[in-house]
Amino acid sequence: MITTEELVELTKRDLVLDRASLSDMPQVHAMINEYADRGEMLHRSLAELYEYVRDFTIIREAGGVVACASLHVIWDDLAEIRSVAVKEDLQSHGLGALLVEHCVDEARSLGLSRVFCLTHKPGYYEKLGFNRTEVMSFPRKVWSECIRCPKFSACNEIAMSMDLK
């Protein structure tokens, strides 16, 4: 759960945690695809981001979107946390962790029993309470994203999950 102290810290820094709007999506698109260009996450088209705008939570400052994350419901008991991105100059300030915690809180409020992510940084997610798991334990629907990945045949991402109940 996001603490009062974390919200106060955001306010001190003139940062706001918010639901994404359609007007935020071009900035989210640029940030995600910057990471994707380095092979750190999947590219997302602007059309896809508009389609999934309701999945996204962002952190904004006066200059625009500085961080984002998405909670995508897969089934009645499972959701994926994806597209976690923070602008380079604001990394290591806890913004990504705050967004992941927010996604976990939202998953709990929806009544989901498990969240997962696929990542190159398992240590980061372990610090947030996730555990390594086998990707084969997830339904096939999860793999619909994997097929689009250029590394599909030689995937190097680690599956991480958190039980919520």
Foldseek 3Di string as FASTA:
>chain_A
DDDPVNVVVCVVVQKDKAQFDLVQLVVLLVQLVVCVVVVFFPHDDSVRCSVQSRQKIFIAHPVGTFWMWGWADDDLAETEIDSTGGHPVCPPVCPSLSRVVVSLVVCVVSVHFKYKYWGPCVVVVVVSPKDWDDPVVDDCSVCVVLVPDPCNVPDPTTMIMHTDD
